[in-house]
C-alpha atoms as a PDB file:
ATOM      1  CA  MET A   1       0.000   0.000   0.000  1.00  0.00           C
ATOM      2  CA  SER A   2       1.361   3.435  -0.935  1.00  0.00           C
ATOM      3  CA  ASN A   3       2.173   5.870   1.847  1.00  0.00           C
ATOM      4  CA  ARG A   4       0.942   8.846  -0.200  1.00  0.00           C
ATOM      5  CA  ARG A   5      -2.505  10.307   0.366  1.00  0.00           C
ATOM      6  CA  MET A   6      -4.590  13.060  -1.214  1.00  0.00           C
ATOM      7  CA  VAL A   7      -5.554  15.896   1.105  1.00  0.00           C
ATOM      8  CA  THR A   8      -8.626  17.991   0.288  1.00  0.00           C
ATOM      9  CA  ILE A   9      -9.297  21.435   1.700  1.00  0.00           C
ATOM     10  CA  ALA A  10     -12.982  22.352   2.054  1.00  0.00           C
ATOM     11  CA  PRO A  11     -12.700  26.042   2.939  1.00  0.00           C
ATOM     12  CA  THR A  12     -16.254  27.368   2.958  1.00  0.00           C
ATOM     13  CA  GLY A  13     -19.245  25.038   2.595  1.00  0.00           C
ATOM     14  CA  GLY A  14     -22.786  26.121   1.912  1.00  0.00           C
ATOM     15  CA  THR A  15     -24.143  26.541   5.428  1.00  0.00           C
ATOM     16  CA  SER A  16     -21.976  28.393   7.949  1.00  0.00           C
ATOM     17  CA  MET A  17     -21.616  32.151   8.187  1.00  0.00           C
ATOM     18  CA  LYS A  18     -18.853  34.377   9.489  1.00  0.00           C
ATOM     19  CA  SER A  19     -20.865  34.771  12.687  1.00  0.00           C
ATOM     20  CA  ALA A  20     -19.880  31.174  13.472  1.00  0.00           C
ATOM     21  CA  ASN A  21     -16.214  31.710  12.634  1.00  0.00           C
ATOM     22  CA  PRO A  22     -14.823  35.061  11.389  1.00  0.00           C
ATOM     23  CA  ALA A  23     -12.060  33.160   9.557  1.00  0.00           C
ATOM     24  CA  LEU A  24     -14.593  31.532   7.210  1.00  0.00           C
ATOM     25  CA  PRO A  25     -13.800  32.671   3.647  1.00  0.00           C
ATOM     26  CA  THR A  26     -16.920  33.506   1.656  1.00  0.00           C
ATOM     27  CA  GLN A  27     -15.895  35.853  -1.154  1.00  0.00           C
ATOM     28  CA  PRO A  28     -13.739  34.891  -4.164  1.00  0.00           C
ATOM     29  CA  ASP A  29     -10.610  36.705  -2.989  1.00  0.00           C
ATOM     30  CA  GLU A  30     -10.890  35.227   0.512  1.00  0.00           C
ATOM     31  CA  ILE A  31     -11.521  31.698  -0.745  1.00  0.00           C
ATOM     32  CA  ALA A  32      -8.662  31.884  -3.251  1.00  0.00           C
ATOM     33  CA  ARG A  33      -6.267  33.229  -0.615  1.00  0.00           C
ATOM     34  CA  ASP A  34      -7.058  30.365   1.768  1.00  0.00           C
ATOM     35  CA  VAL A  35      -6.924  27.677  -0.925  1.00  0.00           C
ATOM     36  CA  ILE A  36      -3.573  28.869  -2.284  1.00  0.00           C
ATOM     37  CA  ALA A  37      -2.080  28.894   1.220  1.00  0.00           C
ATOM     38  CA  CYS A  38      -3.459  25.403   1.891  1.00  0.00           C
ATOM     39  CA  ALA A  39      -2.102  24.122  -1.433  1.00  0.00           C
ATOM     40  CA  LYS A  40       1.361  25.301  -0.430  1.00  0.00           C
ATOM     41  CA  ALA A  41       0.911  23.429   2.866  1.00  0.00           C
ATOM     42  CA  GLY A  42      -0.004  20.122   1.187  1.00  0.00           C
ATOM     43  CA  ALA A  43      -3.586  20.196  -0.110  1.00  0.00           C
ATOM     44  CA  ALA A  44      -4.109  18.640  -3.561  1.00  0.00           C
ATOM     45  CA  ILE A  45      -7.871  19.189  -4.030  1.00  0.00           C
ATOM     46  CA  ALA A  46     -10.087  22.160  -3.178  1.00  0.00           C
ATOM     47  CA  ALA A  47     -13.778  21.452  -2.507  1.00  0.00           C
ATOM     48  CA  ILE A  48     -15.291  24.789  -3.481  1.00  0.00           C
ATOM     49  CA  HIS A  49     -18.628  26.322  -2.516  1.00  0.00           C
ATOM     50  CA  ALA A  50     -19.665  29.676  -3.981  1.00  0.00           C
ATOM     51  CA  ARG A  51     -21.326  32.513  -2.077  1.00  0.00           C
ATOM     52  CA  ARG A  52     -23.141  35.631  -3.247  1.00  0.00           C
ATOM     53  CA  PRO A  53     -21.783  39.081  -2.283  1.00  0.00           C
ATOM     54  CA  ASP A  54     -24.142  38.945   0.735  1.00  0.00           C
ATOM     55  CA  ASP A  55     -22.506  35.632   1.806  1.00  0.00           C
ATOM     56  CA  GLN A  56     -25.628  33.588   0.988  1.00  0.00           C
ATOM     57  CA  ALA A  57     -25.191  30.259  -0.833  1.00  0.00           C
ATOM     58  CA  THR A  58     -25.267  29.975  -4.628  1.00  0.00           C
ATOM     59  CA  CYS A  59     -24.074  27.813  -7.505  1.00  0.00           C
ATOM     60  CA  ASN A  60     -23.734  30.823  -9.798  1.00  0.00           C
ATOM     61  CA  ALA A  61     -21.314  29.767 -12.534  1.00  0.00           C
ATOM     62  CA  ALA A  62     -19.758  33.225 -12.882  1.00  0.00           C
ATOM     63  CA  ILE A  63     -18.874  33.305  -9.179  1.00  0.00           C
ATOM     64  CA  TYR A  64     -17.420  29.808  -9.387  1.00  0.00           C
ATOM     65  CA  ARG A  65     -15.316  30.821 -12.393  1.00  0.00           C
ATOM     66  CA  ASP A  66     -14.045  33.895 -10.568  1.00  0.00           C
ATOM     67  CA  ILE A  67     -12.999  31.755  -7.607  1.00  0.00           C
ATOM     68  CA  ASN A  68     -11.329  29.111  -9.778  1.00  0.00           C
ATOM     69  CA  GLU A  69      -9.458  31.625 -11.918  1.00  0.00           C
ATOM     70  CA  ARG A  70      -8.090  33.354  -8.833  1.00  0.00           C
ATOM     71  CA  ILE A  71      -6.981  30.006  -7.415  1.00  0.00           C
ATOM     72  CA  ARG A  72      -5.293  28.917 -10.659  1.00  0.00           C
ATOM     73  CA  ALA A  73      -3.362  32.180 -10.747  1.00  0.00           C
ATOM     74  CA  GLY A  74      -1.640  31.111  -7.531  1.00  0.00           C
ATOM     75  CA  CYS A  75      -1.389  27.299  -7.560  1.00  0.00           C
ATOM     76  CA  ASP A  76      -2.225  24.125  -9.504  1.00  0.00           C
ATOM     77  CA  ILE A  77      -4.629  22.562  -6.971  1.00  0.00           C
ATOM     78  CA  ILE A  78      -7.527  20.492  -8.382  1.00  0.00           C
ATOM     79  CA  ALA A  79     -10.800  22.457  -8.420  1.00  0.00           C
ATOM     80  CA  ASN A  80     -13.866  20.506  -7.271  1.00  0.00           C
ATOM     81  CA  ASN A  81     -17.065  22.586  -7.436  1.00  0.00           C
ATOM     82  CA  SER A  82     -20.058  21.714  -5.271  1.00  0.00           C
ATOM     83  CA  THR A  83     -23.373  20.890  -6.909  1.00  0.00           C
ATOM     84  CA  GLY A  84     -24.973  20.578  -3.481  1.00  0.00           C
ATOM     85  CA  GLY A  85     -24.900  24.316  -2.953  1.00  0.00           C
ATOM     86  CA  GLY A  86     -26.168  24.893   0.556  1.00  0.00           C
ATOM     87  CA  ASN A  87     -29.274  25.883   2.465  1.00  0.00           C
ATOM     88  CA  THR A  88     -29.508  29.667   2.052  1.00  0.00           C
ATOM     89  CA  GLY A  89     -29.754  32.229  -0.729  1.00  0.00           C
ATOM     90  CA  ASP A  90     -30.191  30.956  -4.279  1.00  0.00           C
ATOM     91  CA  MET A  91     -30.419  27.373  -3.057  1.00  0.00           C
ATOM     92  CA  LEU A  92     -33.838  27.790  -1.389  1.00  0.00           C
ATOM     93  CA  GLU A  93     -37.233  27.425  -3.031  1.00  0.00           C
ATOM     94  CA  PRO A  94     -40.249  28.064  -0.742  1.00  0.00           C
ATOM     95  CA  ARG A  95     -42.936  25.381  -0.684  1.00  0.00           C
ATOM     96  CA  ALA A  96     -46.651  25.746  -0.071  1.00  0.00           C
ATOM     97  CA  ASP A  97     -46.345  23.744   3.158  1.00  0.00           C
ATOM     98  CA  GLY A  98     -44.027  26.333   4.724  1.00  0.00           C
ATOM     99  CA  ARG A  99     -40.885  24.287   4.199  1.00  0.00           C
ATOM    100  CA  PHE A 100     -38.176  24.861   1.626  1.00  0.00           C
ATOM    101  CA  GLU A 101     -36.791  22.743  -1.184  1.00  0.00           C
ATOM    102  CA  ASN A 102     -33.212  22.729  -2.394  1.00  0.00           C
ATOM    103  CA  ASN A 103     -33.069  24.364  -5.839  1.00  0.00           C
ATOM    104  CA  PHE A 104     -32.056  21.597  -8.241  1.00  0.00           C
ATOM    105  CA  GLU A 105     -31.791  23.856 -11.289  1.00  0.00           C
ATOM    106  CA  GLU A 106     -29.372  26.062  -9.368  1.00  0.00           C
ATOM    107  CA  ARG A 107     -27.326  23.008  -8.442  1.00  0.00           C
ATOM    108  CA  LEU A 108     -26.771  22.191 -12.110  1.00  0.00           C
ATOM    109  CA  LYS A 109     -25.091  25.576 -12.640  1.00  0.00           C
ATOM    110  CA  GLY A 110     -22.122  24.391 -10.590  1.00  0.00           C
ATOM    111  CA  THR A 111     -21.056  22.257 -13.548  1.00  0.00           C
ATOM    112  CA  ASP A 112     -20.452  25.424 -15.601  1.00  0.00           C
ATOM    113  CA  GLY A 113     -17.973  26.922 -13.143  1.00  0.00           C
ATOM    114  CA  GLY A 114     -14.746  25.793 -14.791  1.00  0.00           C
ATOM    115  CA  ALA A 115     -13.816  22.882 -12.504  1.00  0.00           C
ATOM    116  CA  GLU A 116     -12.131  19.556 -13.248  1.00  0.00           C
ATOM    117  CA  MET A 117     -14.365  17.771 -10.737  1.00  0.00           C
ATOM    118  CA  CYS A 118     -17.808  18.360  -9.234  1.00  0.00           C
ATOM    119  CA  THR A 119     -19.429  16.832  -6.194  1.00  0.00           C
ATOM    120  CA  PHE A 120     -22.269  14.465  -7.027  1.00  0.00           C
ATOM    121  CA  ASP A 121     -24.744  14.581  -4.158  1.00  0.00           C
ATOM    122  CA  GLY A 122     -27.185  11.920  -5.265  1.00  0.00           C
ATOM    123  CA  VAL A 123     -29.009  12.079  -1.966  1.00  0.00           C
ATOM    124  CA  THR A 124     -32.547  12.709  -0.785  1.00  0.00           C
ATOM    125  CA  VAL A 125     -32.298  14.051   2.746  1.00  0.00           C
ATOM    126  CA  VAL A 126     -33.773  16.733   4.988  1.00  0.00           C
ATOM    127  CA  ASP A 127     -31.380  19.522   5.965  1.00  0.00           C
ATOM    128  CA  THR A 128     -32.300  21.098   9.302  1.00  0.00           C
ATOM    129  CA  MET A 129     -29.121  23.027  10.034  1.00  0.00           C
ATOM    130  CA  ALA A 130     -30.437  26.568   9.358  1.00  0.00           C
ATOM    131  CA  GLY A 131     -33.431  26.432  11.671  1.00  0.00           C
ATOM    132  CA  HIS A 132     -35.845  25.258   9.021  1.00  0.00           C
ATOM    133  CA  ASP A 133     -36.483  22.102   7.023  1.00  0.00           C
ATOM    134  CA  VAL A 134     -34.914  22.060   3.569  1.00  0.00           C
ATOM    135  CA  LEU A 135     -35.907  19.067   1.451  1.00  0.00           C
ATOM    136  CA  VAL A 136     -32.991  17.979  -0.716  1.00  0.00           C
ATOM    137  CA  LEU A 137     -34.768  15.925  -3.358  1.00  0.00           C
ATOM    138  CA  THR A 138     -32.534  13.981  -5.720  1.00  0.00           C
ATOM    139  CA  PRO A 139     -34.628  11.073  -7.009  1.00  0.00           C
ATOM    140  CA  PRO A 140     -33.148   8.658  -9.559  1.00  0.00           C
ATOM    141  CA  THR A 141     -34.148  10.815 -12.539  1.00  0.00           C
ATOM    142  CA  ARG A 142     -32.381  13.847 -11.090  1.00  0.00           C
ATOM    143  CA  CYS A 143     -29.348  11.731 -10.193  1.00  0.00           C
ATOM    144  CA  GLU A 144     -29.068  10.691 -13.816  1.00  0.00           C
ATOM    145  CA  GLU A 145     -29.522  14.247 -15.096  1.00  0.00           C
ATOM    146  CA  LEU A 146     -26.875  15.592 -12.739  1.00  0.00           C
ATOM    147  CA  VAL A 147     -24.198  13.012 -13.480  1.00  0.00           C
ATOM    148  CA  LYS A 148     -24.900  13.075 -17.235  1.00  0.00           C
ATOM    149  CA  THR A 149     -24.421  16.841 -17.191  1.00  0.00           C
ATOM    150  CA  MET A 150     -21.012  16.334 -15.586  1.00  0.00           C
ATOM    151  CA  ILE A 151     -19.882  13.594 -17.939  1.00  0.00           C
ATOM    152  CA  ASP A 152     -21.019  15.494 -21.043  1.00  0.00           C
ATOM    153  CA  LYS A 153     -18.802  18.395 -19.945  1.00  0.00           C
ATOM    154  CA  GLY A 154     -15.760  16.234 -19.207  1.00  0.00           C
ATOM    155  CA  ILE A 155     -16.079  16.641 -15.437  1.00  0.00           C
ATOM    156  CA  LYS A 156     -15.206  13.768 -13.113  1.00  0.00           C
ATOM    157  CA  PRO A 157     -17.770  13.176 -10.354  1.00  0.00           C
ATOM    158  CA  GLU A 158     -16.770  13.101  -6.746  1.00  0.00           C
ATOM    159  CA  TRP A 159     -19.467  10.741  -5.475  1.00  0.00           C
ATOM    160  CA  GLU A 160     -20.476  12.160  -2.086  1.00  0.00           C
ATOM    161  CA  VAL A 161     -22.272   9.764   0.252  1.00  0.00           C
ATOM    162  CA  PHE A 162     -23.731  10.134   3.745  1.00  0.00           C
ATOM    163  CA  SER A 163     -24.946   6.587   4.436  1.00  0.00           C
ATOM    164  CA  PRO A 164     -24.517   3.048   3.079  1.00  0.00           C
ATOM    165  CA  ASP A 165     -27.676   3.215   0.958  1.00  0.00           C
ATOM    166  CA  HIS A 166     -26.247   6.166  -0.983  1.00  0.00           C
ATOM    167  CA  ILE A 167     -23.401   3.890  -2.044  1.00  0.00           C
ATOM    168  CA  LEU A 168     -25.436   0.752  -2.655  1.00  0.00           C
ATOM    169  CA  GLN A 169     -28.259   2.414  -4.589  1.00  0.00           C
ATOM    170  CA  ASP A 170     -27.685   5.390  -6.883  1.00  0.00           C
ATOM    171  CA  VAL A 171     -23.874   5.540  -6.871  1.00  0.00           C
ATOM    172  CA  THR A 172     -23.494   1.861  -7.715  1.00  0.00           C
ATOM    173  CA  ARG A 173     -26.358   1.994 -10.231  1.00  0.00           C
ATOM    174  CA  LEU A 174     -24.911   4.972 -12.109  1.00  0.00           C
ATOM    175  CA  ILE A 175     -21.381   3.567 -12.116  1.00  0.00           C
ATOM    176  CA  GLN A 176     -22.719   0.302 -13.511  1.00  0.00           C
ATOM    177  CA  LYS A 177     -24.482   2.294 -16.246  1.00  0.00           C
ATOM    178  CA  GLY A 178     -21.106   3.716 -17.305  1.00  0.00           C
ATOM    179  CA  TYR A 179     -21.355   7.271 -15.972  1.00  0.00           C
ATOM    180  CA  ASP A 180     -17.777   7.273 -14.691  1.00  0.00           C
ATOM    181  CA  LYS A 181     -14.464   5.624 -15.406  1.00  0.00           C
ATOM    182  CA  PRO A 182     -12.337   3.945 -12.739  1.00  0.00           C
ATOM    183  CA  PRO A 183     -10.994   4.793 -10.345  1.00  0.00           C
ATOM    184  CA  TYR A 184     -14.260   6.008  -8.844  1.00  0.00           C
ATOM    185  CA  TYR A 185     -13.620   8.715  -6.265  1.00  0.00           C
ATOM    186  CA  ILE A 186     -16.084   8.483  -3.374  1.00  0.00           C
ATOM    187  CA  ASN A 187     -16.196  10.956  -0.497  1.00  0.00           C
ATOM    188  CA  ILE A 188     -17.709   9.446   2.651  1.00  0.00           C
ATOM    189  CA  VAL A 189     -19.242  12.127   4.895  1.00  0.00           C
ATOM    190  CA  LEU A 190     -19.824  11.079   8.513  1.00  0.00           C
ATOM    191  CA  GLY A 191     -20.878  13.037  11.584  1.00  0.00           C
ATOM    192  CA  GLY A 192     -23.514  15.189   9.877  1.00  0.00           C
ATOM    193  CA  HIS A 193     -26.453  13.339  11.380  1.00  0.00           C
ATOM    194  CA  ASN A 194     -27.427  16.226  13.679  1.00  0.00           C
ATOM    195  CA  GLY A 195     -28.049  18.462  10.671  1.00  0.00           C
ATOM    196  CA  PHE A 196     -29.114  16.010   7.977  1.00  0.00           C
ATOM    197  CA  GLN A 197     -31.900  13.498   8.461  1.00  0.00           C
ATOM    198  CA  GLY A 198     -30.565  10.565   6.472  1.00  0.00           C
ATOM    199  CA  ALA A 199     -26.879  11.012   7.388  1.00  0.00           C
ATOM    200  CA  MET A 200     -24.790   8.710   9.583  1.00  0.00           C
ATOM    201  CA  PRO A 201     -22.714   9.490  12.675  1.00  0.00           C
ATOM    202  CA  TYR A 202     -19.026   8.661  12.686  1.00  0.00           C
ATOM    203  CA  SER A 203     -17.740   5.526  14.327  1.00  0.00           C
ATOM    204  CA  MET A 204     -14.930   3.163  13.413  1.00  0.00           C
ATOM    205  CA  ASP A 205     -17.444   0.414  12.652  1.00  0.00           C
ATOM    206  CA  ILE A 206     -19.645   2.620  10.453  1.00  0.00           C
ATOM    207  CA  LEU A 207     -16.695   3.823   8.390  1.00  0.00           C
ATOM    208  CA  ASP A 208     -15.370   0.282   8.050  1.00  0.00           C
ATOM    209  CA  PHE A 209     -18.778  -0.958   6.865  1.00  0.00           C
ATOM    210  CA  MET A 210     -19.203   1.858   4.337  1.00  0.00           C
ATOM    211  CA  VAL A 211     -15.772   1.190   2.862  1.00  0.00           C
ATOM    212  CA  LYS A 212     -16.790  -2.461   2.441  1.00  0.00           C
ATOM    213  CA  CYS A 213     -19.871  -1.272   0.498  1.00  0.00           C
ATOM    214  CA  LEU A 214     -17.825   0.586  -2.132  1.00  0.00           C
ATOM    215  CA  PRO A 215     -17.902  -0.587  -5.751  1.00  0.00           C
ATOM    216  CA  PRO A 216     -14.768  -2.331  -7.060  1.00  0.00           C
ATOM    217  CA  GLN A 217     -12.043   0.008  -8.348  1.00  0.00           C
ATOM    218  CA  SER A 218     -13.041   2.779  -5.948  1.00  0.00           C
ATOM    219  CA  ILE A 219     -10.747   5.073  -4.032  1.00  0.00           C
ATOM    220  CA  TRP A 220     -12.217   6.975  -1.123  1.00  0.00           C
ATOM    221  CA  CYS A 221     -11.908  10.013   1.072  1.00  0.00           C
ATOM    222  CA  ILE A 222     -13.340  10.735   4.519  1.00  0.00           C
ATOM    223  CA  SER A 223     -14.997  13.970   5.584  1.00  0.00           C
ATOM    224  CA  GLY A 224     -15.602  14.019   9.332  1.00  0.00           C
ATOM    225  CA  ILE A 225     -18.015  16.694  10.529  1.00  0.00           C
ATOM    226  CA  GLY A 226     -17.261  18.690  13.696  1.00  0.00           C
ATOM    227  CA  PRO A 227     -15.545  16.639  16.409  1.00  0.00           C
ATOM    228  CA  ALA A 228     -15.487  13.624  14.093  1.00  0.00           C
ATOM    229  CA  GLN A 229     -12.923  15.284  11.816  1.00  0.00           C
ATOM    230  CA  LEU A 230      -9.764  14.359  13.698  1.00  0.00           C
ATOM    231  CA  PRO A 231     -10.527  10.701  14.588  1.00  0.00           C
ATOM    232  CA  ALA A 232     -12.147   9.986  11.219  1.00  0.00           C
ATOM    233  CA  THR A 233      -9.225  11.312   9.181  1.00  0.00           C
ATOM    234  CA  THR A 234      -6.720   9.427  11.323  1.00  0.00           C
ATOM    235  CA  GLN A 235      -8.627   6.164  10.920  1.00  0.00           C
ATOM    236  CA  ALA A 236      -8.943   6.757   7.179  1.00  0.00           C
ATOM    237  CA  LEU A 237      -5.188   7.143   6.767  1.00  0.00           C
ATOM    238  CA  LEU A 238      -4.588   3.808   8.490  1.00  0.00           C
ATOM    239  CA  MET A 239      -7.248   2.144   6.302  1.00  0.00           C
ATOM    240  CA  GLY A 240      -5.752   3.399   3.036  1.00  0.00           C
ATOM    241  CA  GLY A 241      -8.167   6.278   2.482  1.00  0.00           C
ATOM    242  CA  HIS A 242      -7.668   9.922   1.626  1.00  0.00           C
ATOM    243  CA  VAL A 243      -8.723  12.847   3.822  1.00  0.00           C
ATOM    244  CA  ARG A 244     -10.627  16.133   3.784  1.00  0.00           C
ATOM    245  CA  VAL A 245     -10.423  18.934   6.343  1.00  0.00           C
ATOM    246  CA  GLY A 246     -11.516  22.558   6.434  1.00  0.00           C
ATOM    247  CA  LEU A 247     -13.991  25.027   7.877  1.00  0.00           C
ATOM    248  CA  GLU A 248     -16.819  23.590   5.787  1.00  0.00           C
ATOM    249  CA  ASP A 249     -16.741  20.590   8.102  1.00  0.00           C
ATOM    250  CA  ASN A 250     -15.302  21.853  11.380  1.00  0.00           C
ATOM    251  CA  HIS A 251     -14.837  25.316  12.930  1.00  0.00           C
ATOM    252  CA  TYR A 252     -12.600  24.277  15.823  1.00  0.00           C
ATOM    253  CA  TYR A 253      -8.950  23.374  16.207  1.00  0.00           C
ATOM    254  CA  SER A 254      -9.579  22.198  19.759  1.00  0.00           C
ATOM    255  CA  ARG A 255     -12.226  22.745  22.414  1.00  0.00           C
ATOM    256  CA  GLY A 256     -13.007  26.475  22.500  1.00  0.00           C
ATOM    257  CA  VAL A 257     -10.307  27.363  19.939  1.00  0.00           C
ATOM    258  CA  LYS A 258     -11.573  28.523  16.548  1.00  0.00           C
ATOM    259  CA  ALA A 259      -9.598  27.218  13.572  1.00  0.00           C
ATOM    260  CA  THR A 260      -8.497  28.591  10.237  1.00  0.00           C
ATOM    261  CA  ASN A 261      -8.299  26.499   7.094  1.00  0.00           C
ATOM    262  CA  LEU A 262      -4.507  26.684   7.138  1.00  0.00           C
ATOM    263  CA  MET A 263      -4.373  25.501  10.755  1.00  0.00           C
ATOM    264  CA  LEU A 264      -6.434  22.421   9.891  1.00  0.00           C
ATOM    265  CA  ILE A 265      -4.354  21.566   6.818  1.00  0.00           C
ATOM    266  CA  GLU A 266      -1.059  22.028   8.639  1.00  0.00           C
ATOM    267  CA  ARG A 267      -2.216  19.788  11.484  1.00  0.00           C
ATOM    268  CA  GLN A 268      -3.414  17.147   9.020  1.00  0.00           C
ATOM    269  CA  VAL A 269      -0.060  17.096   7.253  1.00  0.00           C
ATOM    270  CA  ARG A 270       1.803  16.893  10.582  1.00  0.00           C
ATOM    271  CA  ILE A 271      -0.287  13.899  11.640  1.00  0.00           C
ATOM    272  CA  MET A 272       0.318  12.235   8.295  1.00  0.00           C
ATOM    273  CA  ASN A 273       4.058  12.729   8.625  1.00  0.00           C
ATOM    274  CA  GLU A 274       4.076  11.343  12.169  1.00  0.00           C
ATOM    275  CA  LEU A 275       2.262   8.225  10.931  1.00  0.00           C
ATOM    276  CA  GLY A 276       4.624   7.773   8.000  1.00  0.00           C
ATOM    277  CA  TYR A 277       2.392   9.200   5.231  1.00  0.00           C
ATOM    278  CA  GLU A 278       3.026  11.999   2.769  1.00  0.00           C
ATOM    279  CA  PRO A 279       0.579  14.291   0.947  1.00  0.00           C
ATOM    280  CA  MET A 280       0.234  13.769  -2.783  1.00  0.00           C
ATOM    281  CA  SER A 281       0.829  16.723  -5.059  1.00  0.00           C
ATOM    282  CA  PRO A 282      -1.920  17.989  -7.386  1.00  0.00           C
ATOM    283  CA  ALA A 283      -0.036  16.479 -10.340  1.00  0.00           C
ATOM    284  CA  GLU A 284       0.146  13.058  -8.660  1.00  0.00           C
ATOM    285  CA  SER A 285      -3.524  13.308  -7.735  1.00  0.00           C
ATOM    286  CA  ARG A 286      -4.526  14.137 -11.312  1.00  0.00           C
ATOM    287  CA  GLU A 287      -2.631  11.081 -12.513  1.00  0.00           C
ATOM    288  CA  LEU A 288      -4.350   8.883  -9.930  1.00  0.00           C
ATOM    289  CA  LEU A 289      -7.808  10.243 -10.757  1.00  0.00           C
ATOM    290  CA  GLY A 290      -7.308  10.347 -14.534  1.00  0.00           C
ATOM    291  CA  LEU A 291      -7.756  14.131 -14.796  1.00  0.00           C
ATOM    292  CA  LYS A 292      -6.345  16.535 -17.322  1.00  0.00           C
ATOM    293  CA  GLN A 293      -5.376  19.907 -15.880  1.00  0.00           C
ATOM    294  CA  LEU A 294      -7.517  22.753 -17.225  1.00  0.00           C
END
């Protein structure tokens, strides 16, 4: 087994605001600054979320392109745009029952943002993290539309999963239909169960089981939410997985101490080095994933 691992920085996300952590980058110049610094510290992939000028969530392609162009001016990190979006701003559609629905048409715009990869969130869950119910409806027909849009544009999906059924149903079905080429890159998100009905908590046994559910020829990454970030990433390294850290997933460096994206990346690389692992470069990661640099 190789001792080299891909490290992803997830700097922003689609949910948190600066009121939760003033270090959260939300505007293109802030996001690019953080990503470039994290790339220099060892990150190979950037999981990008876009925000409007008022910091609300969006998948606006022009904002994504602005972010990605600024990043590429400073480093060669792999750009991975979100097509999940978030639970504020352009991502919300009011429903007659007083709830909200995640805006699927807005999600599709993320594929036009000039990225090499895009997150494929083929999930139907209820997001309750912003004080209201947001129905994230991605039935099989929408799953197929979303992944086909990516493939038609030469974008590699990052298959994002929150529970075993996400792997065993739509991800496996779409891979078997030929919507991706191996290796399949699957990001396992654990610890988000307090905000997403339909997500799983982190435990060693749950992660081990989900890895066993992966399709053949898969490589995988772990995203641990909140306090799950540090134990989940450490376990993933020992299991042969890759890792994601950043303020999208976790605002704290330790109890009561707010983090920055660079702090989380530097700690992750230190832990890797102590355990005998090394971060892969963006070029090595592109070769592993079968990507061509834009």
